Amino acid sequence: MASLDRKSSIENEPRTLNIQQFQLAREAALYVMSTRSMEEALGIFTKGLEPVVNCVRENEATMMDYDYEDLEISHNQLRDIESAPF
């Protein structure tokens, strides 16, 4: 009889940062903000991200499509990046 190779679902979750790693990430983000233009910094922080284009509601068969134009951020809508939890 073959054995089952089971993993806890928590093992599939991304690892969290410890306090030292969190502080290092914050310092790196502050360095980028102080040495790069707003456009370059935004590109660095968002590189590799992809917008969510559809969403399925639980117990419903409907799908919601989002327009890419609605997902774009204008410079007037930018938030305080330095205080964001990286």
PDB file of N, CA and C in Angstrom:
ATOM      1  N   MET A   1       0.839  -1.176   0.000  1.00  0.00           N
ATOM      2  CA  MET A   1       0.000   0.000   0.000  1.00  0.00           C
ATOM      3  C   MET A   1       0.889   1.244   0.000  1.00  0.00           C
ATOM      4  N   ALA A   2       0.596   2.207  -0.890  1.00  0.00           N
ATOM      5  CA  ALA A   2       1.399   3.421  -1.007  1.00  0.00           C
ATOM      6  C   ALA A   2       1.034   4.403   0.098  1.00  0.00           C
ATOM      7  N   SER A   3       2.050   5.074   0.608  1.00  0.00           N
ATOM      8  CA  SER A   3       1.786   6.060   1.658  1.00  0.00           C
ATOM      9  C   SER A   3       1.412   7.403   1.024  1.00  0.00           C
ATOM     10  N   LEU A   4       0.593   8.147   1.718  1.00  0.00           N
ATOM     11  CA  LEU A   4       0.173   9.461   1.251  1.00  0.00           C
ATOM     12  C   LEU A   4       1.176  10.504   1.723  1.00  0.00           C
ATOM     13  N   ASP A   5       1.567  11.378   0.816  1.00  0.00           N
ATOM     14  CA  ASP A   5       2.474  12.464   1.163  1.00  0.00           C
ATOM     15  C   ASP A   5       1.630  13.714   1.384  1.00  0.00           C
ATOM     16  N   ARG A   6       1.337  14.004   2.627  1.00  0.00           N
ATOM     17  CA  ARG A   6       0.471  15.139   2.952  1.00  0.00           C
ATOM     18  C   ARG A   6       1.287  16.282   3.528  1.00  0.00           C
ATOM     19  N   LYS A   7       0.818  17.493   3.232  1.00  0.00           N
ATOM     20  CA  LYS A   7       1.425  18.695   3.786  1.00  0.00           C
ATOM     21  C   LYS A   7       0.321  19.531   4.418  1.00  0.00           C
ATOM     22  N   SER A   8       0.674  20.178   5.473  1.00  0.00           N
ATOM     23  CA  SER A   8      -0.257  21.115   6.085  1.00  0.00           C
ATOM     24  C   SER A   8      -0.449  22.290   5.131  1.00  0.00           C
ATOM     25  N   SER A   9      -1.650  22.835   5.078  1.00  0.00           N
ATOM     26  CA  SER A   9      -1.908  23.964   4.183  1.00  0.00           C
ATOM     27  C   SER A   9      -1.066  25.178   4.551  1.00  0.00           C
ATOM     28  N   ILE A  10      -0.652  25.292   5.791  1.00  0.00           N
ATOM     29  CA  ILE A  10       0.169  26.426   6.212  1.00  0.00           C
ATOM     30  C   ILE A  10       1.519  26.411   5.504  1.00  0.00           C
ATOM     31  N   GLU A  11       1.976  25.233   5.093  1.00  0.00           N
ATOM     32  CA  GLU A  11       3.255  25.133   4.397  1.00  0.00           C
ATOM     33  C   GLU A  11       3.197  25.727   2.996  1.00  0.00           C
ATOM     34  N   ASN A  12       2.007  25.900   2.463  1.00  0.00           N
ATOM     35  CA  ASN A  12       1.851  26.509   1.145  1.00  0.00           C
ATOM     36  C   ASN A  12       1.764  28.030   1.219  1.00  0.00           C
ATOM     37  N   GLU A  13       1.628  28.571   2.407  1.00  0.00           N
ATOM     38  CA  GLU A  13       1.527  30.017   2.586  1.00  0.00           C
ATOM     39  C   GLU A  13       2.912  30.650   2.496  1.00  0.00           C
ATOM     40  N   PRO A  14       2.977  31.905   2.024  1.00  0.00           N
ATOM     41  CA  PRO A  14       4.278  32.575   1.974  1.00  0.00           C
ATOM     42  C   PRO A  14       4.820  32.816   3.377  1.00  0.00           C
ATOM     43  N   ARG A  15       6.115  32.773   3.502  1.00  0.00           N
ATOM     44  CA  ARG A  15       6.758  33.023   4.796  1.00  0.00           C
ATOM     45  C   ARG A  15       6.639  34.502   5.146  1.00  0.00           C
ATOM     46  N   THR A  16       6.574  34.806   6.414  1.00  0.00           N
ATOM     47  CA  THR A  16       6.521  36.191   6.854  1.00  0.00           C
ATOM     48  C   THR A  16       7.912  36.653   7.251  1.00  0.00           C
ATOM     49  N   LEU A  17       8.111  37.959   7.254  1.00  0.00           N
ATOM     50  CA  LEU A  17       9.402  38.522   7.623  1.00  0.00           C
ATOM     51  C   LEU A  17       9.518  38.627   9.136  1.00  0.00           C
ATOM     52  N   ASN A  18      10.724  38.411   9.633  1.00  0.00           N
ATOM     53  CA  ASN A  18      10.948  38.687  11.049  1.00  0.00           C
ATOM     54  C   ASN A  18      11.210  40.185  11.189  1.00  0.00           C
ATOM     55  N   ILE A  19      11.334  40.687  12.389  1.00  0.00           N
ATOM     56  CA  ILE A  19      11.441  42.132  12.622  1.00  0.00           C
ATOM     57  C   ILE A  19      12.689  42.729  11.980  1.00  0.00           C
ATOM     58  N   GLN A  20      13.802  41.992  11.987  1.00  0.00           N
ATOM     59  CA  GLN A  20      15.025  42.506  11.365  1.00  0.00           C
ATOM     60  C   GLN A  20      14.875  42.585   9.844  1.00  0.00           C
ATOM     61  N   GLN A  21      14.272  41.575   9.242  1.00  0.00           N
ATOM     62  CA  GLN A  21      14.045  41.595   7.799  1.00  0.00           C
ATOM     63  C   GLN A  21      13.069  42.703   7.416  1.00  0.00           C
ATOM     64  N   PHE A  22      12.068  42.913   8.247  1.00  0.00           N
ATOM     65  CA  PHE A  22      11.089  43.965   8.002  1.00  0.00           C
ATOM     66  C   PHE A  22      11.767  45.335   8.039  1.00  0.00           C
ATOM     67  N   GLN A  23      12.613  45.561   9.040  1.00  0.00           N
ATOM     68  CA  GLN A  23      13.317  46.837   9.164  1.00  0.00           C
ATOM     69  C   GLN A  23      14.266  47.047   7.984  1.00  0.00           C
ATOM     70  N   LEU A  24      14.972  46.001   7.562  1.00  0.00           N
ATOM     71  CA  LEU A  24      15.876  46.097   6.417  1.00  0.00           C
ATOM     72  C   LEU A  24      15.103  46.439   5.142  1.00  0.00           C
ATOM     73  N   ALA A  25      13.943  45.827   4.955  1.00  0.00           N
ATOM     74  CA  ALA A  25      13.107  46.118   3.784  1.00  0.00           C
ATOM     75  C   ALA A  25      12.620  47.562   3.814  1.00  0.00           C
ATOM     76  N   ARG A  26      12.255  48.039   4.974  1.00  0.00           N
ATOM     77  CA  ARG A  26      11.807  49.435   5.103  1.00  0.00           C
ATOM     78  C   ARG A  26      12.944  50.403   4.784  1.00  0.00           C
ATOM     79  N   GLU A  27      14.143  50.111   5.295  1.00  0.00           N
ATOM     80  CA  GLU A  27      15.301  50.968   5.013  1.00  0.00           C
ATOM     81  C   GLU A  27      15.634  50.953   3.524  1.00  0.00           C
ATOM     82  N   ALA A  28      15.534  49.791   2.887  1.00  0.00           N
ATOM     83  CA  ALA A  28      15.790  49.699   1.449  1.00  0.00           C
ATOM     84  C   ALA A  28      14.756  50.508   0.667  1.00  0.00           C
ATOM     85  N   ALA A  29      13.510  50.450   1.089  1.00  0.00           N
ATOM     86  CA  ALA A  29      12.456  51.219   0.424  1.00  0.00           C
ATOM     87  C   ALA A  29      12.700  52.715   0.579  1.00  0.00           C
ATOM     88  N   LEU A  30      13.109  53.147   1.760  1.00  0.00           N
ATOM     89  CA  LEU A  30      13.421  54.562   1.973  1.00  0.00           C
ATOM     90  C   LEU A  30      14.598  54.999   1.109  1.00  0.00           C
ATOM     91  N   TYR A  31      15.593  54.114   0.959  1.00  0.00           N
ATOM     92  CA  TYR A  31      16.746  54.425   0.110  1.00  0.00           C
ATOM     93  C   TYR A  31      16.300  54.612  -1.342  1.00  0.00           C
ATOM     94  N   VAL A  32      15.458  53.717  -1.832  1.00  0.00           N
ATOM     95  CA  VAL A  32      14.959  53.830  -3.205  1.00  0.00           C
ATOM     96  C   VAL A  32      14.190  55.134  -3.370  1.00  0.00           C
ATOM     97  N   MET A  33      13.355  55.467  -2.402  1.00  0.00           N
ATOM     98  CA  MET A  33      12.557  56.693  -2.483  1.00  0.00           C
ATOM     99  C   MET A  33      13.423  57.945  -2.484  1.00  0.00           C
ATOM    100  N   SER A  34      14.556  57.897  -1.798  1.00  0.00           N
ATOM    101  CA  SER A  34      15.398  59.091  -1.711  1.00  0.00           C
ATOM    102  C   SER A  34      16.405  59.196  -2.851  1.00  0.00           C
ATOM    103  N   THR A  35      16.641  58.116  -3.586  1.00  0.00           N
ATOM    104  CA  THR A  35      17.652  58.148  -4.645  1.00  0.00           C
ATOM    105  C   THR A  35      17.081  58.013  -6.048  1.00  0.00           C
ATOM    106  N   ARG A  36      15.808  57.744  -6.177  1.00  0.00           N
ATOM    107  CA  ARG A  36      15.186  57.555  -7.493  1.00  0.00           C
ATOM    108  C   ARG A  36      14.035  58.531  -7.673  1.00  0.00           C
ATOM    109  N   SER A  37      13.665  58.737  -8.937  1.00  0.00           N
ATOM    110  CA  SER A  37      12.489  59.558  -9.215  1.00  0.00           C
ATOM    111  C   SER A  37      11.241  58.774  -8.803  1.00  0.00           C
ATOM    112  N   MET A  38      10.130  59.471  -8.705  1.00  0.00           N
ATOM    113  CA  MET A  38       8.875  58.826  -8.318  1.00  0.00           C
ATOM    114  C   MET A  38       8.507  57.723  -9.315  1.00  0.00           C
ATOM    115  N   GLU A  39       8.701  57.986 -10.610  1.00  0.00           N
ATOM    116  CA  GLU A  39       8.361  56.997 -11.635  1.00  0.00           C
ATOM    117  C   GLU A  39       9.246  55.758 -11.519  1.00  0.00           C
ATOM    118  N   GLU A  40      10.562  55.973 -11.307  1.00  0.00           N
ATOM    119  CA  GLU A  40      11.474  54.833 -11.173  1.00  0.00           C
ATOM    120  C   GLU A  40      11.149  54.015  -9.925  1.00  0.00           C
ATOM    121  N   ALA A  41      10.901  54.701  -8.815  1.00  0.00           N
ATOM    122  CA  ALA A  41      10.584  54.007  -7.564  1.00  0.00           C
ATOM    123  C   ALA A  41       9.298  53.201  -7.704  1.00  0.00           C
ATOM    124  N   LEU A  42       8.290  53.792  -8.310  1.00  0.00           N
ATOM    125  CA  LEU A  42       7.029  53.081  -8.506  1.00  0.00           C
ATOM    126  C   LEU A  42       7.240  51.841  -9.372  1.00  0.00           C
ATOM    127  N   GLY A  43       8.081  51.966 -10.394  1.00  0.00           N
ATOM    128  CA  GLY A  43       8.398  50.820 -11.244  1.00  0.00           C
ATOM    129  C   GLY A  43       9.103  49.715 -10.473  1.00  0.00           C
ATOM    130  N   ILE A  44      10.018  50.094  -9.585  1.00  0.00           N
ATOM    131  CA  ILE A  44      10.744  49.115  -8.771  1.00  0.00           C
ATOM    132  C   ILE A  44       9.789  48.387  -7.836  1.00  0.00           C
ATOM    133  N   PHE A  45       8.926  49.132  -7.162  1.00  0.00           N
ATOM    134  CA  PHE A  45       8.031  48.533  -6.169  1.00  0.00           C
ATOM    135  C   PHE A  45       6.919  47.693  -6.788  1.00  0.00           C
ATOM    136  N   THR A  46       6.581  47.967  -8.033  1.00  0.00           N
ATOM    137  CA  THR A  46       5.469  47.241  -8.651  1.00  0.00           C
ATOM    138  C   THR A  46       5.920  46.255  -9.726  1.00  0.00           C
ATOM    139  N   LYS A  47       7.220  46.103  -9.928  1.00  0.00           N
ATOM    140  CA  LYS A  47       7.735  45.188 -10.952  1.00  0.00           C
ATOM    141  C   LYS A  47       7.237  43.762 -10.681  1.00  0.00           C
ATOM    142  N   GLY A  48       6.687  43.154 -11.701  1.00  0.00           N
ATOM    143  CA  GLY A  48       6.220  41.774 -11.591  1.00  0.00           C
ATOM    144  C   GLY A  48       4.790  41.622 -11.116  1.00  0.00           C
ATOM    145  N   LEU A  49       4.166  42.701 -10.648  1.00  0.00           N
ATOM    146  CA  LEU A  49       2.772  42.607 -10.212  1.00  0.00           C
ATOM    147  C   LEU A  49       1.853  42.569 -11.424  1.00  0.00           C
ATOM    148  N   GLU A  50       0.794  41.826 -11.321  1.00  0.00           N
ATOM    149  CA  GLU A  50      -0.201  41.753 -12.383  1.00  0.00           C
ATOM    150  C   GLU A  50      -1.564  42.094 -11.799  1.00  0.00           C
ATOM    151  N   PRO A  51      -2.374  42.867 -12.541  1.00  0.00           N
ATOM    152  CA  PRO A  51      -3.700  43.211 -12.021  1.00  0.00           C
ATOM    153  C   PRO A  51      -4.620  41.998 -12.006  1.00  0.00           C
ATOM    154  N   VAL A  52      -5.549  42.008 -11.092  1.00  0.00           N
ATOM    155  CA  VAL A  52      -6.577  40.967 -11.045  1.00  0.00           C
ATOM    156  C   VAL A  52      -7.603  41.329 -12.107  1.00  0.00           C
ATOM    157  N   VAL A  53      -7.831  40.427 -13.055  1.00  0.00           N
ATOM    158  CA  VAL A  53      -8.743  40.744 -14.151  1.00  0.00           C
ATOM    159  C   VAL A  53     -10.129  40.173 -13.965  1.00  0.00           C
ATOM    160  N   ASN A  54     -10.283  39.168 -13.137  1.00  0.00           N
ATOM    161  CA  ASN A  54     -11.630  38.684 -12.872  1.00  0.00           C
ATOM    162  C   ASN A  54     -11.694  38.104 -11.470  1.00  0.00           C
ATOM    163  N   CYS A  55     -12.901  37.996 -11.006  1.00  0.00           N
ATOM    164  CA  CYS A  55     -13.124  37.554  -9.632  1.00  0.00           C
ATOM    165  C   CYS A  55     -14.352  36.651  -9.625  1.00  0.00           C
ATOM    166  N   VAL A  56     -14.282  35.573  -8.889  1.00  0.00           N
ATOM    167  CA  VAL A  56     -15.419  34.665  -8.768  1.00  0.00           C
ATOM    168  C   VAL A  56     -15.943  34.761  -7.344  1.00  0.00           C
ATOM    169  N   ARG A  57     -17.204  35.020  -7.215  1.00  0.00           N
ATOM    170  CA  ARG A  57     -17.806  35.063  -5.882  1.00  0.00           C
ATOM    171  C   ARG A  57     -18.157  33.658  -5.439  1.00  0.00           C
ATOM    172  N   GLU A  58     -17.983  33.409  -4.184  1.00  0.00           N
ATOM    173  CA  GLU A  58     -18.292  32.091  -3.646  1.00  0.00           C
ATOM    174  C   GLU A  58     -19.789  31.820  -3.777  1.00  0.00           C
ATOM    175  N   ASN A  59     -20.131  30.629  -4.212  1.00  0.00           N
ATOM    176  CA  ASN A  59     -21.516  30.171  -4.384  1.00  0.00           C
ATOM    177  C   ASN A  59     -22.271  30.913  -5.483  1.00  0.00           C
ATOM    178  N   GLU A  60     -21.553  31.599  -6.359  1.00  0.00           N
ATOM    179  CA  GLU A  60     -22.196  32.264  -7.490  1.00  0.00           C
ATOM    180  C   GLU A  60     -21.423  31.927  -8.756  1.00  0.00           C
ATOM    181  N   ALA A  61     -22.110  31.868  -9.853  1.00  0.00           N
ATOM    182  CA  ALA A  61     -21.462  31.542 -11.123  1.00  0.00           C
ATOM    183  C   ALA A  61     -21.105  32.793 -11.912  1.00  0.00           C
ATOM    184  N   THR A  62     -21.289  33.964 -11.334  1.00  0.00           N
ATOM    185  CA  THR A  62     -21.008  35.196 -12.058  1.00  0.00           C
ATOM    186  C   THR A  62     -19.538  35.555 -11.940  1.00  0.00           C
ATOM    187  N   MET A  63     -19.029  36.164 -12.976  1.00  0.00           N
ATOM    188  CA  MET A  63     -17.654  36.634 -12.979  1.00  0.00           C
ATOM    189  C   MET A  63     -17.676  38.126 -13.238  1.00  0.00           C
ATOM    190  N   MET A  64     -16.776  38.834 -12.586  1.00  0.00           N
ATOM    191  CA  MET A  64     -16.687  40.271 -12.757  1.00  0.00           C
ATOM    192  C   MET A  64     -15.416  40.576 -13.535  1.00  0.00           C
ATOM    193  N   ASP A  65     -15.534  41.279 -14.646  1.00  0.00           N
ATOM    194  CA  ASP A  65     -14.369  41.674 -15.429  1.00  0.00           C
ATOM    195  C   ASP A  65     -14.031  43.117 -15.100  1.00  0.00           C
ATOM    196  N   TYR A  66     -12.753  43.356 -14.900  1.00  0.00           N
ATOM    197  CA  TYR A  66     -12.293  44.695 -14.585  1.00  0.00           C
ATOM    198  C   TYR A  66     -11.610  45.295 -15.798  1.00  0.00           C
ATOM    199  N   ASP A  67     -11.759  46.572 -15.965  1.00  0.00           N
ATOM    200  CA  ASP A  67     -11.134  47.288 -17.059  1.00  0.00           C
ATOM    201  C   ASP A  67      -9.738  47.718 -16.616  1.00  0.00           C
ATOM    202  N   TYR A  68      -8.722  47.448 -17.429  1.00  0.00           N
ATOM    203  CA  TYR A  68      -7.353  47.802 -17.074  1.00  0.00           C
ATOM    204  C   TYR A  68      -7.194  49.297 -16.824  1.00  0.00           C
ATOM    205  N   GLU A  69      -7.948  50.123 -17.544  1.00  0.00           N
ATOM    206  CA  GLU A  69      -7.842  51.563 -17.361  1.00  0.00           C
ATOM    207  C   GLU A  69      -8.266  51.974 -15.958  1.00  0.00           C
ATOM    208  N   ASP A  70      -9.193  51.250 -15.370  1.00  0.00           N
ATOM    209  CA  ASP A  70      -9.637  51.564 -14.018  1.00  0.00           C
ATOM    210  C   ASP A  70      -8.575  51.227 -12.981  1.00  0.00           C
ATOM    211  N   LEU A  71      -7.632  50.346 -13.332  1.00  0.00           N
ATOM    212  CA  LEU A  71      -6.624  49.904 -12.380  1.00  0.00           C
ATOM    213  C   LEU A  71      -5.389  50.794 -12.358  1.00  0.00           C
ATOM    214  N   GLU A  72      -5.239  51.662 -13.352  1.00  0.00           N
ATOM    215  CA  GLU A  72      -4.061  52.511 -13.403  1.00  0.00           C
ATOM    216  C   GLU A  72      -4.127  53.564 -12.305  1.00  0.00           C
ATOM    217  N   ILE A  73      -2.963  53.863 -11.738  1.00  0.00           N
ATOM    218  CA  ILE A  73      -2.866  54.840 -10.657  1.00  0.00           C
ATOM    219  C   ILE A  73      -2.284  56.129 -11.222  1.00  0.00           C
ATOM    220  N   SER A  74      -2.960  57.221 -11.004  1.00  0.00           N
ATOM    221  CA  SER A  74      -2.392  58.502 -11.404  1.00  0.00           C
ATOM    222  C   SER A  74      -1.523  59.022 -10.269  1.00  0.00           C
ATOM    223  N   HIS A  75      -0.649  59.964 -10.579  1.00  0.00           N
ATOM    224  CA  HIS A  75       0.248  60.501  -9.556  1.00  0.00           C
ATOM    225  C   HIS A  75      -0.519  61.213  -8.443  1.00  0.00           C
ATOM    226  N   ASN A  76      -1.706  61.712  -8.736  1.00  0.00           N
ATOM    227  CA  ASN A  76      -2.507  62.376  -7.711  1.00  0.00           C
ATOM    228  C   ASN A  76      -3.081  61.392  -6.703  1.00  0.00           C
ATOM    229  N   GLN A  77      -3.142  60.109  -7.062  1.00  0.00           N
ATOM    230  CA  GLN A  77      -3.719  59.100  -6.185  1.00  0.00           C
ATOM    231  C   GLN A  77      -2.668  58.346  -5.386  1.00  0.00           C
ATOM    232  N   LEU A  78      -1.383  58.680  -5.568  1.00  0.00           N
ATOM    233  CA  LEU A  78      -0.327  57.953  -4.867  1.00  0.00           C
ATOM    234  C   LEU A  78      -0.430  58.175  -3.367  1.00  0.00           C
ATOM    235  N   ARG A  79      -0.173  57.148  -2.631  1.00  0.00           N
ATOM    236  CA  ARG A  79      -0.207  57.210  -1.179  1.00  0.00           C
ATOM    237  C   ARG A  79       1.213  57.383  -0.653  1.00  0.00           C
ATOM    238  N   ASP A  80       1.343  57.592   0.618  1.00  0.00           N
ATOM    239  CA  ASP A  80       2.641  57.723   1.258  1.00  0.00           C
ATOM    240  C   ASP A  80       3.342  56.374   1.223  1.00  0.00           C
ATOM    241  N   ILE A  81       4.248  56.203   0.267  1.00  0.00           N
ATOM    242  CA  ILE A  81       4.913  54.919   0.069  1.00  0.00           C
ATOM    243  C   ILE A  81       5.855  54.603   1.221  1.00  0.00           C
ATOM    244  N   GLU A  82       6.464  55.632   1.811  1.00  0.00           N
ATOM    245  CA  GLU A  82       7.438  55.393   2.876  1.00  0.00           C
ATOM    246  C   GLU A  82       6.821  54.725   4.095  1.00  0.00           C
ATOM    247  N   SER A  83       5.533  54.914   4.320  1.00  0.00           N
ATOM    248  CA  SER A  83       4.906  54.314   5.495  1.00  0.00           C
ATOM    249  C   SER A  83       4.212  52.994   5.171  1.00  0.00           C
ATOM    250  N   ALA A  84       4.283  52.576   3.902  1.00  0.00           N
ATOM    251  CA  ALA A  84       3.644  51.313   3.519  1.00  0.00           C
ATOM    252  C   ALA A  84       4.400  50.136   4.132  1.00  0.00           C
ATOM    253  N   PRO A  85       3.698  49.122   4.595  1.00  0.00           N
ATOM    254  CA  PRO A  85       4.372  47.968   5.211  1.00  0.00           C
ATOM    255  C   PRO A  85       4.961  47.042   4.158  1.00  0.00           C
ATOM    256  N   PHE A  86       6.259  47.135   3.928  1.00  0.00           N
ATOM    257  CA  PHE A  86       6.923  46.304   2.914  1.00  0.00           C
ATOM    258  C   PHE A  86       7.389  45.024   3.522  1.00  0.00           C
TER     259      PHE A  86
END
